[in-house]
């Protein structure tokens, strides 16, 4: 009987210990206070872009009135001659909620005459200096634009030279100017806010 009593006491002790631990855990859980959820929202990147051409009857890249006309549809430059300069202005406004880096990619139609592309150059001085043959390329990358600010970019299409009638009736098509905004990393935020 002593063995049965001993086993009963051990079982009773285990049940009592289990009940005590269960109530202690329940008490601890019931007194834990929950915090409100922590939500992280990414900043919104958004841009408005407008392209303009300089009203310049001499095609010398200069106009004393500095009058630009917005291009809203496909724009055709015809009857080009050596030495002509077509001046453009691109305005990009960061309408998002955070500062961003601006990238501009110039896309040329693949069906263009390669020889004609060799004699047409793109040139500009800001944000970096470029004067090279017209081709699909990034014009620039990582140009910072604070939120709600506008960046203005000026560039020229320059007709360098023609070789007789070789390019007669040929055309060059600039398909797109692709505007991209990328978030600026956190360590740069203080500069642009």
N, C-alpha and C. Protein backbone atom coordinates (compact mmCIF):
# COMPACT_ATOMS: atom_id res chain seq x y z
N UNK A 1 0.80 -1.17 0.00
CA UNK A 1 0.00 0.00 0.00
C UNK A 1 0.87 1.26 0.00
N UNK A 2 1.99 1.16 0.59
CA UNK A 2 2.87 2.31 0.61
C UNK A 2 3.27 2.69 -0.80
N UNK A 3 3.45 1.73 -1.66
CA UNK A 3 3.85 2.01 -3.03
C UNK A 3 2.70 2.69 -3.76
N UNK A 4 1.48 2.26 -3.56
CA UNK A 4 0.31 2.85 -4.20
C UNK A 4 0.09 4.26 -3.68
N UNK A 5 0.28 4.48 -2.40
CA UNK A 5 0.14 5.81 -1.82
C UNK A 5 1.21 6.74 -2.37
N UNK A 6 2.41 6.24 -2.50
CA UNK A 6 3.52 7.03 -3.03
C UNK A 6 3.23 7.45 -4.47
N UNK A 7 2.72 6.52 -5.29
CA UNK A 7 2.39 6.82 -6.69
C UNK A 7 1.24 7.82 -6.73
N UNK A 8 0.25 7.67 -5.87
CA UNK A 8 -0.88 8.61 -5.82
C UNK A 8 -0.40 10.00 -5.43
N UNK A 9 0.53 10.06 -4.46
CA UNK A 9 1.07 11.37 -4.04
C UNK A 9 1.86 12.02 -5.18
N UNK A 10 2.62 11.24 -5.92
CA UNK A 10 3.39 11.77 -7.06
C UNK A 10 2.43 12.28 -8.13
N UNK A 11 1.38 11.50 -8.43
CA UNK A 11 0.39 11.93 -9.44
C UNK A 11 -0.31 13.21 -8.97
N UNK A 12 -0.67 13.26 -7.69
CA UNK A 12 -1.32 14.44 -7.15
C UNK A 12 -0.38 15.65 -7.22
N UNK A 13 0.91 15.44 -6.91
CA UNK A 13 1.90 16.51 -6.99
C UNK A 13 2.04 17.01 -8.42
N UNK A 14 2.09 16.08 -9.40
CA UNK A 14 2.23 16.45 -10.82
C UNK A 14 1.00 17.23 -11.28
N UNK A 15 -0.20 16.78 -10.87
CA UNK A 15 -1.42 17.50 -11.24
C UNK A 15 -1.46 18.89 -10.61
N UNK A 16 -1.05 18.99 -9.36
CA UNK A 16 -1.02 20.29 -8.68
C UNK A 16 0.00 21.22 -9.34
N UNK A 17 1.17 20.68 -9.64
CA UNK A 17 2.20 21.47 -10.31
C UNK A 17 1.73 21.93 -11.67
N UNK A 18 1.07 21.07 -12.44
CA UNK A 18 0.54 21.42 -13.77
C UNK A 18 -0.50 22.52 -13.65
N UNK A 19 -1.40 22.39 -12.66
CA UNK A 19 -2.43 23.41 -12.46
C UNK A 19 -1.79 24.74 -12.09
N UNK A 20 -0.76 24.72 -11.23
CA UNK A 20 -0.08 25.94 -10.83
C UNK A 20 0.61 26.60 -12.03
N UNK A 21 1.35 25.79 -12.81
CA UNK A 21 2.03 26.34 -13.99
C UNK A 21 1.03 26.89 -15.00
N UNK A 22 -0.06 26.16 -15.21
CA UNK A 22 -1.09 26.62 -16.15
C UNK A 22 -1.69 27.95 -15.72
N UNK A 23 -1.98 28.10 -14.44
CA UNK A 23 -2.56 29.36 -13.96
C UNK A 23 -1.53 30.48 -14.00
N UNK A 24 -0.25 30.19 -13.74
CA UNK A 24 0.80 31.22 -13.81
C UNK A 24 0.97 31.71 -15.25
N UNK A 25 0.98 30.79 -16.20
CA UNK A 25 1.10 31.17 -17.62
C UNK A 25 -0.11 31.97 -18.05
N UNK A 26 -1.31 31.55 -17.64
CA UNK A 26 -2.53 32.27 -17.98
C UNK A 26 -2.49 33.68 -17.39
N UNK A 27 -2.04 33.79 -16.15
CA UNK A 27 -1.96 35.11 -15.51
C UNK A 27 -0.96 36.00 -16.24
N UNK A 28 0.18 35.44 -16.65
CA UNK A 28 1.19 36.23 -17.36
C UNK A 28 0.64 36.71 -18.70
N UNK A 29 -0.03 35.81 -19.45
CA UNK A 29 -0.60 36.15 -20.75
C UNK A 29 -1.71 37.19 -20.59
N UNK A 30 -2.52 37.06 -19.58
CA UNK A 30 -3.65 37.99 -19.42
C UNK A 30 -3.18 39.38 -19.02
N UNK A 31 -1.99 39.53 -18.43
CA UNK A 31 -1.50 40.85 -18.04
C UNK A 31 -0.60 41.49 -19.09
N UNK A 32 -0.27 40.78 -20.17
CA UNK A 32 0.55 41.35 -21.24
C UNK A 32 -0.30 42.34 -22.02
N UNK A 33 0.21 43.54 -22.22
CA UNK A 33 -0.51 44.57 -22.96
C UNK A 33 -0.03 44.57 -24.41
N UNK A 34 -0.95 44.60 -25.35
CA UNK A 34 -0.59 44.61 -26.77
C UNK A 34 -0.37 46.04 -27.23
N UNK A 35 0.66 46.23 -28.05
CA UNK A 35 0.88 47.54 -28.65
C UNK A 35 0.03 47.66 -29.92
N UNK A 36 -0.11 48.86 -30.41
CA UNK A 36 -0.80 49.06 -31.67
C UNK A 36 0.10 48.53 -32.80
N UNK A 37 -0.48 48.14 -33.93
CA UNK A 37 0.36 47.64 -35.02
C UNK A 37 1.32 48.72 -35.53
N UNK A 38 2.48 48.29 -35.97
CA UNK A 38 3.46 49.20 -36.56
C UNK A 38 3.38 48.99 -38.06
N UNK A 39 3.05 50.07 -38.78
CA UNK A 39 2.88 49.96 -40.22
C UNK A 39 3.92 50.83 -40.91
N UNK A 40 4.58 50.27 -41.92
CA UNK A 40 5.58 51.00 -42.70
C UNK A 40 5.04 51.19 -44.11
N UNK A 41 4.96 52.42 -44.54
CA UNK A 41 4.48 52.72 -45.89
C UNK A 41 5.65 53.21 -46.73
N UNK A 42 5.72 52.74 -47.96
CA UNK A 42 6.77 53.25 -48.84
C UNK A 42 6.32 54.61 -49.37
N UNK A 43 7.29 55.43 -49.72
CA UNK A 43 6.97 56.72 -50.32
C UNK A 43 6.40 56.51 -51.71
N UNK A 44 5.62 57.48 -52.16
CA UNK A 44 5.01 57.39 -53.48
C UNK A 44 5.89 58.16 -54.46
N UNK A 45 6.25 57.50 -55.55
CA UNK A 45 7.03 58.13 -56.61
C UNK A 45 6.10 58.41 -57.79
N UNK A 46 6.07 59.65 -58.20
CA UNK A 46 5.21 60.03 -59.31
C UNK A 46 5.82 61.24 -59.99
N UNK A 47 5.68 61.31 -61.30
CA UNK A 47 6.27 62.43 -62.04
C UNK A 47 5.30 62.95 -63.08
N UNK A 48 5.42 64.23 -63.36
CA UNK A 48 4.74 64.85 -64.49
C UNK A 48 5.82 65.37 -65.41
N UNK A 49 5.75 65.02 -66.69
CA UNK A 49 6.79 65.44 -67.63
C UNK A 49 6.16 66.15 -68.83
N UNK A 50 6.84 67.20 -69.28
CA UNK A 50 6.41 67.94 -70.47
C UNK A 50 7.63 68.19 -71.34
N UNK A 51 7.44 68.05 -72.66
CA UNK A 51 8.52 68.28 -73.61
C UNK A 51 8.17 69.50 -74.46
N UNK A 52 9.14 70.38 -74.66
CA UNK A 52 8.95 71.60 -75.42
C UNK A 52 10.02 71.70 -76.51
N UNK A 53 9.71 72.44 -77.59
CA UNK A 53 10.70 72.77 -78.63
C UNK A 53 10.79 74.28 -78.73
N UNK A 54 12.00 74.77 -78.93
CA UNK A 54 12.25 76.20 -79.06
C UNK A 54 11.74 76.69 -80.41
N UNK A 55 10.97 77.78 -80.39
CA UNK A 55 10.51 78.40 -81.63
C UNK A 55 11.67 79.22 -82.19
N UNK A 56 12.35 78.63 -83.16
CA UNK A 56 13.60 79.21 -83.66
C UNK A 56 13.63 79.09 -85.18
N UNK A 57 13.19 80.11 -85.91
CA UNK A 57 13.12 80.00 -87.36
C UNK A 57 14.48 79.85 -88.04
N UNK A 58 15.56 80.28 -87.38
CA UNK A 58 16.91 80.16 -87.97
C UNK A 58 17.56 78.82 -87.67
N UNK A 59 17.01 78.05 -86.75
CA UNK A 59 17.57 76.75 -86.33
C UNK A 59 19.03 76.87 -85.93
N UNK A 60 19.33 77.94 -85.18
CA UNK A 60 20.70 78.13 -84.70
C UNK A 60 20.83 77.82 -83.21
N UNK A 61 19.75 77.35 -82.59
CA UNK A 61 19.77 77.00 -81.17
C UNK A 61 19.58 78.18 -80.25
N UNK A 62 19.31 79.39 -80.83
CA UNK A 62 19.15 80.59 -80.02
C UNK A 62 17.87 81.30 -80.43
N UNK A 63 17.19 81.82 -79.43
CA UNK A 63 16.01 82.65 -79.69
C UNK A 63 15.96 83.71 -78.62
N UNK A 64 15.98 84.97 -79.04
CA UNK A 64 16.02 86.06 -78.07
C UNK A 64 14.78 86.07 -77.18
N UNK A 65 13.65 85.61 -77.69
CA UNK A 65 12.42 85.59 -76.91
C UNK A 65 12.32 84.36 -76.01
N UNK A 66 13.16 83.37 -76.25
CA UNK A 66 13.19 82.13 -75.46
C UNK A 66 11.79 81.51 -75.36
N UNK A 67 11.10 81.43 -76.48
CA UNK A 67 9.74 80.89 -76.51
C UNK A 67 9.76 79.41 -76.88
N UNK A 68 9.20 78.62 -76.01
CA UNK A 68 9.10 77.18 -76.24
C UNK A 68 7.63 76.81 -76.42
N UNK A 69 7.38 75.83 -77.28
CA UNK A 69 6.04 75.30 -77.51
C UNK A 69 6.01 73.86 -77.04
N UNK A 70 4.97 73.50 -76.27
CA UNK A 70 4.87 72.14 -75.77
C UNK A 70 4.56 71.18 -76.91
N UNK A 71 5.22 70.03 -76.89
CA UNK A 71 4.98 68.96 -77.86
C UNK A 71 4.04 67.97 -77.20
N UNK A 72 2.84 67.82 -77.76
CA UNK A 72 1.86 66.92 -77.15
C UNK A 72 1.59 65.69 -78.01
N UNK A 73 2.00 65.73 -79.27
CA UNK A 73 1.83 64.60 -80.19
C UNK A 73 3.18 64.31 -80.84
N UNK A 74 3.17 63.36 -81.76
CA UNK A 74 4.39 63.08 -82.52
C UNK A 74 4.82 64.36 -83.22
N UNK A 75 6.12 64.63 -83.19
CA UNK A 75 6.64 65.86 -83.77
C UNK A 75 7.57 65.50 -84.91
N UNK A 76 7.38 66.14 -86.05
CA UNK A 76 8.17 65.83 -87.23
C UNK A 76 9.07 67.00 -87.58
N UNK A 77 10.34 66.70 -87.71
CA UNK A 77 11.31 67.70 -88.19
C UNK A 77 11.64 67.29 -89.62
N UNK A 78 11.35 68.17 -90.57
CA UNK A 78 11.57 67.80 -91.96
C UNK A 78 12.47 68.82 -92.65
N UNK A 79 12.98 68.43 -93.79
CA UNK A 79 13.84 69.29 -94.62
C UNK A 79 15.05 69.80 -93.84
N UNK A 80 15.67 68.91 -93.09
CA UNK A 80 16.83 69.31 -92.29
C UNK A 80 18.01 69.60 -93.18
N UNK A 81 18.88 70.48 -92.69
CA UNK A 81 20.08 70.89 -93.42
C UNK A 81 21.28 70.84 -92.47
N UNK A 82 22.48 70.69 -93.03
CA UNK A 82 23.67 70.67 -92.18
C UNK A 82 23.78 71.95 -91.35
N UNK A 83 24.16 71.79 -90.10
CA UNK A 83 24.36 72.93 -89.21
C UNK A 83 23.13 73.34 -88.42
N UNK A 84 21.98 72.78 -88.73
CA UNK A 84 20.78 73.16 -87.98
C UNK A 84 20.81 72.60 -86.56
N UNK A 85 20.24 73.37 -85.64
CA UNK A 85 20.16 72.97 -84.24
C UNK A 85 18.70 73.06 -83.81
N UNK A 86 18.18 71.96 -83.30
CA UNK A 86 16.81 71.91 -82.78
C UNK A 86 16.92 71.82 -81.26
N UNK A 87 16.39 72.83 -80.58
CA UNK A 87 16.53 72.93 -79.12
C UNK A 87 15.26 72.47 -78.43
N UNK A 88 15.45 71.63 -77.42
CA UNK A 88 14.33 71.06 -76.68
C UNK A 88 14.49 71.37 -75.19
N UNK A 89 13.36 71.37 -74.50
CA UNK A 89 13.34 71.54 -73.05
C UNK A 89 12.42 70.47 -72.47
N UNK A 90 12.92 69.74 -71.49
CA UNK A 90 12.14 68.72 -70.80
C UNK A 90 11.96 69.18 -69.36
N UNK A 91 10.70 69.27 -68.91
CA UNK A 91 10.41 69.63 -67.53
C UNK A 91 9.83 68.39 -66.83
N UNK A 92 10.44 68.00 -65.72
CA UNK A 92 9.97 66.85 -64.95
C UNK A 92 9.71 67.32 -63.53
N UNK A 93 8.46 67.17 -63.08
CA UNK A 93 8.09 67.54 -61.71
C UNK A 93 7.90 66.28 -60.88
N UNK A 94 8.54 66.25 -59.72
CA UNK A 94 8.38 65.14 -58.77
C UNK A 94 7.12 65.43 -57.96
N UNK A 95 6.01 64.80 -58.33
CA UNK A 95 4.75 65.01 -57.63
C UNK A 95 4.53 63.96 -56.53
N UNK A 96 5.55 63.18 -56.25
CA UNK A 96 5.44 62.15 -55.21
C UNK A 96 5.61 62.72 -53.82
N UNK A 97 5.74 61.83 -52.86
CA UNK A 97 5.82 62.22 -51.45
C UNK A 97 7.25 62.19 -50.91
N UNK A 98 8.21 61.78 -51.73
CA UNK A 98 9.60 61.67 -51.28
C UNK A 98 10.54 62.17 -52.36
N UNK A 99 11.77 62.55 -51.99
CA UNK A 99 12.75 62.94 -53.01
C UNK A 99 13.15 61.73 -53.85
N UNK A 100 13.62 62.00 -55.06
CA UNK A 100 13.92 60.89 -55.98
C UNK A 100 15.11 61.23 -56.86
N UNK A 101 15.67 60.19 -57.46
CA UNK A 101 16.67 60.34 -58.51
C UNK A 101 15.96 60.18 -59.85
N UNK A 102 16.26 61.10 -60.76
CA UNK A 102 15.65 61.09 -62.08
C UNK A 102 16.60 60.44 -63.07
N UNK A 103 16.03 59.54 -63.92
CA UNK A 103 16.77 58.94 -65.04
C UNK A 103 15.99 59.26 -66.31
N UNK A 104 16.70 59.62 -67.37
CA UNK A 104 16.04 59.87 -68.65
C UNK A 104 16.74 59.01 -69.70
N UNK A 105 15.93 58.16 -70.36
CA UNK A 105 16.44 57.28 -71.41
C UNK A 105 15.85 57.72 -72.75
N UNK A 106 16.70 57.93 -73.73
CA UNK A 106 16.29 58.30 -75.08
C UNK A 106 16.26 57.04 -75.93
N UNK A 107 15.09 56.72 -76.48
CA UNK A 107 14.94 55.50 -77.27
C UNK A 107 14.74 55.86 -78.74
N UNK A 108 15.62 55.35 -79.57
CA UNK A 108 15.57 55.57 -81.01
C UNK A 108 14.95 54.34 -81.67
N UNK A 109 14.13 54.55 -82.68
CA UNK A 109 13.52 53.45 -83.43
C UNK A 109 14.61 52.61 -84.09
N UNK A 110 14.53 51.30 -83.95
CA UNK A 110 15.57 50.40 -84.48
C UNK A 110 15.62 50.37 -86.00
N UNK A 111 14.59 50.83 -86.66
CA UNK A 111 14.56 50.75 -88.13
C UNK A 111 15.24 51.95 -88.79
N UNK A 112 15.84 52.82 -88.03
CA UNK A 112 16.48 54.01 -88.59
C UNK A 112 17.70 53.66 -89.42
N UNK A 113 18.02 54.52 -90.34
CA UNK A 113 19.21 54.40 -91.17
C UNK A 113 20.43 54.73 -90.30
N UNK A 114 21.31 53.76 -90.10
CA UNK A 114 22.49 53.95 -89.24
C UNK A 114 23.38 55.07 -89.73
N UNK A 115 23.54 55.21 -91.03
CA UNK A 115 24.39 56.28 -91.57
C UNK A 115 23.84 57.65 -91.23
N UNK A 116 22.54 57.78 -91.29
CA UNK A 116 21.91 59.06 -90.94
C UNK A 116 22.10 59.37 -89.46
N UNK A 117 22.03 58.35 -88.63
CA UNK A 117 22.25 58.56 -87.19
C UNK A 117 23.68 59.04 -86.91
N UNK A 118 24.64 58.67 -87.75
CA UNK A 118 26.03 59.09 -87.55
C UNK A 118 26.21 60.59 -87.72
N UNK A 119 25.35 61.25 -88.50
CA UNK A 119 25.54 62.68 -88.77
C UNK A 119 24.60 63.55 -87.95
N UNK A 120 23.80 62.94 -87.09
CA UNK A 120 22.93 63.69 -86.19
C UNK A 120 23.42 63.46 -84.77
N UNK A 121 23.68 64.54 -84.06
CA UNK A 121 24.21 64.44 -82.70
C UNK A 121 23.21 64.97 -81.69
N UNK A 122 23.38 64.52 -80.45
CA UNK A 122 22.67 65.09 -79.32
C UNK A 122 23.70 65.79 -78.45
N UNK A 123 23.36 67.00 -78.00
CA UNK A 123 24.32 67.78 -77.23
C UNK A 123 23.62 68.51 -76.09
N UNK A 124 24.28 68.53 -74.92
CA UNK A 124 23.81 69.31 -73.78
C UNK A 124 24.96 69.49 -72.81
N UNK A 125 24.80 70.45 -71.89
CA UNK A 125 25.86 70.77 -70.92
C UNK A 125 25.50 70.41 -69.48
N UNK A 126 24.23 70.30 -69.16
CA UNK A 126 23.79 70.00 -67.80
C UNK A 126 22.88 68.79 -67.82
N UNK A 127 22.88 67.88 -66.90
CA UNK A 127 23.67 67.81 -65.67
C UNK A 127 25.08 67.28 -65.91
N UNK A 128 25.34 66.74 -67.07
CA UNK A 128 26.69 66.38 -67.47
C UNK A 128 26.87 66.87 -68.90
N UNK A 129 28.06 66.86 -69.39
CA UNK A 129 28.32 67.38 -70.74
C UNK A 129 28.31 66.21 -71.73
N UNK A 130 27.54 66.38 -72.82
CA UNK A 130 27.48 65.32 -73.82
C UNK A 130 27.36 65.93 -75.21
N UNK A 131 28.11 65.38 -76.15
CA UNK A 131 28.00 65.72 -77.56
C UNK A 131 28.42 64.47 -78.33
N UNK A 132 27.43 63.69 -78.75
CA UNK A 132 27.73 62.43 -79.44
C UNK A 132 26.62 62.10 -80.41
N UNK A 133 26.89 61.09 -81.24
CA UNK A 133 25.89 60.71 -82.22
C UNK A 133 24.60 60.26 -81.55
N UNK A 134 23.51 60.49 -82.23
CA UNK A 134 22.19 60.15 -81.71
C UNK A 134 22.02 58.64 -81.72
N UNK A 135 21.67 58.08 -80.56
CA UNK A 135 21.43 56.64 -80.43
C UNK A 135 20.61 56.41 -79.17
N UNK A 136 20.10 55.20 -78.99
CA UNK A 136 19.38 54.87 -77.75
C UNK A 136 20.37 54.86 -76.61
N UNK A 137 20.07 55.65 -75.57
CA UNK A 137 21.02 55.77 -74.45
C UNK A 137 20.36 56.49 -73.28
N UNK A 138 21.00 56.33 -72.10
CA UNK A 138 20.63 57.14 -70.95
C UNK A 138 21.27 58.51 -71.14
N UNK A 139 20.47 59.55 -71.08
CA UNK A 139 21.02 60.90 -71.15
C UNK A 139 21.68 61.25 -69.82
N UNK A 140 21.05 60.84 -68.74
CA UNK A 140 21.65 60.98 -67.42
C UNK A 140 20.88 60.09 -66.44
N UNK A 141 21.52 59.85 -65.29
CA UNK A 141 20.92 59.06 -64.22
C UNK A 141 21.25 59.75 -62.90
N UNK A 142 20.46 59.45 -61.89
CA UNK A 142 20.70 59.92 -60.52
C UNK A 142 20.72 61.44 -60.38
N UNK A 143 19.91 62.13 -61.14
CA UNK A 143 19.74 63.57 -60.94
C UNK A 143 18.71 63.77 -59.81
N UNK A 144 19.12 64.32 -58.66
CA UNK A 144 18.17 64.42 -57.54
C UNK A 144 17.09 65.47 -57.80
N UNK A 145 15.85 65.11 -57.44
CA UNK A 145 14.73 66.04 -57.48
C UNK A 145 14.02 65.95 -56.14
N UNK A 146 14.00 67.04 -55.37
CA UNK A 146 13.23 67.02 -54.12
C UNK A 146 11.75 66.86 -54.41
N UNK A 147 11.00 66.42 -53.41
CA UNK A 147 9.55 66.26 -53.62
C UNK A 147 8.93 67.61 -53.95
N UNK A 148 7.97 67.55 -54.88
CA UNK A 148 7.22 68.71 -55.34
C UNK A 148 8.08 69.76 -56.05
N UNK A 149 9.27 69.40 -56.49
CA UNK A 149 10.14 70.30 -57.24
C UNK A 149 10.16 69.90 -58.71
N UNK A 150 10.56 70.83 -59.58
CA UNK A 150 10.64 70.59 -61.02
C UNK A 150 12.09 70.70 -61.47
N UNK A 151 12.52 69.72 -62.26
CA UNK A 151 13.85 69.76 -62.87
C UNK A 151 13.68 70.08 -64.35
N UNK A 152 14.46 71.05 -64.85
CA UNK A 152 14.38 71.45 -66.25
C UNK A 152 15.67 71.03 -66.94
N UNK A 153 15.53 70.30 -68.04
CA UNK A 153 16.66 69.76 -68.79
C UNK A 153 16.59 70.28 -70.23
N UNK A 154 17.66 70.90 -70.69
CA UNK A 154 17.75 71.43 -72.06
C UNK A 154 18.69 70.55 -72.87
N UNK A 155 18.28 70.23 -74.10
CA UNK A 155 19.16 69.47 -74.98
C UNK A 155 18.92 69.89 -76.43
N UNK A 156 19.92 69.63 -77.26
CA UNK A 156 19.87 69.99 -78.67
C UNK A 156 20.05 68.76 -79.54
N UNK A 157 19.34 68.75 -80.67
CA UNK A 157 19.59 67.79 -81.74
C UNK A 157 20.29 68.60 -82.83
N UNK A 158 21.52 68.20 -83.16
CA UNK A 158 22.37 68.96 -84.08
C UNK A 158 22.59 68.15 -85.35
N UNK A 159 22.31 68.77 -86.50
CA UNK A 159 22.56 68.13 -87.79
C UNK A 159 24.00 68.48 -88.15
N UNK A 160 24.89 67.49 -88.13
CA UNK A 160 26.31 67.75 -88.34
C UNK A 160 26.64 67.96 -89.81
N UNK A 161 26.32 66.98 -90.62
CA UNK A 161 26.68 67.06 -92.05
C UNK A 161 25.90 66.02 -92.82
N UNK A 162 25.78 66.25 -94.10
CA UNK A 162 25.17 65.27 -95.00
C UNK A 162 26.15 64.95 -96.11
N UNK A 163 26.03 63.78 -96.67
CA UNK A 163 26.92 63.36 -97.75
C UNK A 163 26.11 63.24 -99.04
N UNK A 164 25.89 64.37 -99.71
CA UNK A 164 25.16 64.36 -100.98
C UNK A 164 23.74 63.86 -100.80
N UNK A 165 23.28 63.04 -101.75
CA UNK A 165 21.92 62.52 -101.73
C UNK A 165 21.82 61.16 -101.04
N UNK A 166 22.89 60.77 -100.36
CA UNK A 166 22.90 59.45 -99.73
C UNK A 166 21.73 59.27 -98.78
N UNK A 167 21.37 60.34 -98.04
CA UNK A 167 20.34 60.23 -97.02
C UNK A 167 19.01 60.85 -97.46
N UNK A 168 18.87 61.15 -98.73
CA UNK A 168 17.64 61.76 -99.22
C UNK A 168 16.44 60.85 -98.94
N UNK A 169 15.41 61.42 -98.34
CA UNK A 169 14.19 60.67 -98.04
C UNK A 169 14.28 59.79 -96.81
N UNK A 170 15.42 59.78 -96.13
CA UNK A 170 15.58 58.97 -94.92
C UNK A 170 15.04 59.74 -93.71
N UNK A 171 14.73 59.02 -92.66
CA UNK A 171 14.23 59.67 -91.45
C UNK A 171 14.80 59.01 -90.21
N UNK A 172 14.74 59.77 -89.12
CA UNK A 172 15.13 59.28 -87.81
C UNK A 172 13.92 59.45 -86.90
N UNK A 173 13.61 58.42 -86.14
CA UNK A 173 12.46 58.49 -85.24
C UNK A 173 12.95 58.33 -83.80
N UNK A 174 12.70 59.36 -83.01
CA UNK A 174 12.92 59.25 -81.56
C UNK A 174 11.62 58.72 -81.00
N UNK A 175 11.64 57.43 -80.61
CA UNK A 175 10.40 56.79 -80.16
C UNK A 175 9.91 57.33 -78.82
N UNK A 176 10.82 57.41 -77.87
CA UNK A 176 10.40 57.77 -76.51
C UNK A 176 11.51 58.47 -75.76
N UNK A 177 11.11 59.29 -74.82
CA UNK A 177 11.97 59.72 -73.73
C UNK A 177 11.37 59.05 -72.49
N UNK A 178 12.07 58.09 -71.94
CA UNK A 178 11.54 57.31 -70.81
C UNK A 178 12.03 57.96 -69.52
N UNK A 179 11.08 58.43 -68.72
CA UNK A 179 11.36 59.12 -67.47
C UNK A 179 11.17 58.14 -66.32
N UNK A 180 12.18 58.00 -65.46
CA UNK A 180 12.11 57.08 -64.32
C UNK A 180 12.54 57.81 -63.06
N UNK A 181 11.78 57.61 -61.99
CA UNK A 181 12.16 58.13 -60.68
C UNK A 181 12.48 56.94 -59.78
N UNK A 182 13.60 57.03 -59.06
CA UNK A 182 13.99 56.02 -58.08
C UNK A 182 14.10 56.68 -56.72
N UNK A 183 13.67 55.95 -55.67
CA UNK A 183 13.78 56.49 -54.31
C UNK A 183 15.23 56.79 -53.98
N UNK A 184 15.43 57.89 -53.26
CA UNK A 184 16.75 58.21 -52.74
C UNK A 184 16.90 57.48 -51.42
N UNK A 185 18.04 56.86 -51.20
CA UNK A 185 18.26 56.09 -49.98
C UNK A 185 18.23 56.99 -48.76
N UNK A 186 17.95 56.41 -47.59
CA UNK A 186 17.69 57.14 -46.35
C UNK A 186 18.81 58.09 -45.97
N UNK A 187 20.07 57.74 -46.20
CA UNK A 187 21.15 58.61 -45.75
C UNK A 187 21.20 59.91 -46.54
N UNK A 188 20.51 59.98 -47.68
CA UNK A 188 20.46 61.23 -48.45
C UNK A 188 19.24 62.07 -48.13
N UNK A 189 18.30 61.56 -47.36
CA UNK A 189 17.01 62.22 -47.18
C UNK A 189 17.14 63.62 -46.62
N UNK A 190 18.01 63.83 -45.63
CA UNK A 190 18.10 65.13 -44.99
C UNK A 190 18.48 66.24 -45.95
N UNK A 191 19.20 65.92 -47.01
CA UNK A 191 19.63 66.91 -47.98
C UNK A 191 18.48 67.45 -48.79
N UNK A 192 17.50 66.59 -49.12
CA UNK A 192 16.48 66.96 -50.09
C UNK A 192 15.12 67.24 -49.50
N UNK A 193 14.94 67.15 -48.20
CA UNK A 193 13.62 67.42 -47.62
C UNK A 193 13.51 68.84 -47.14
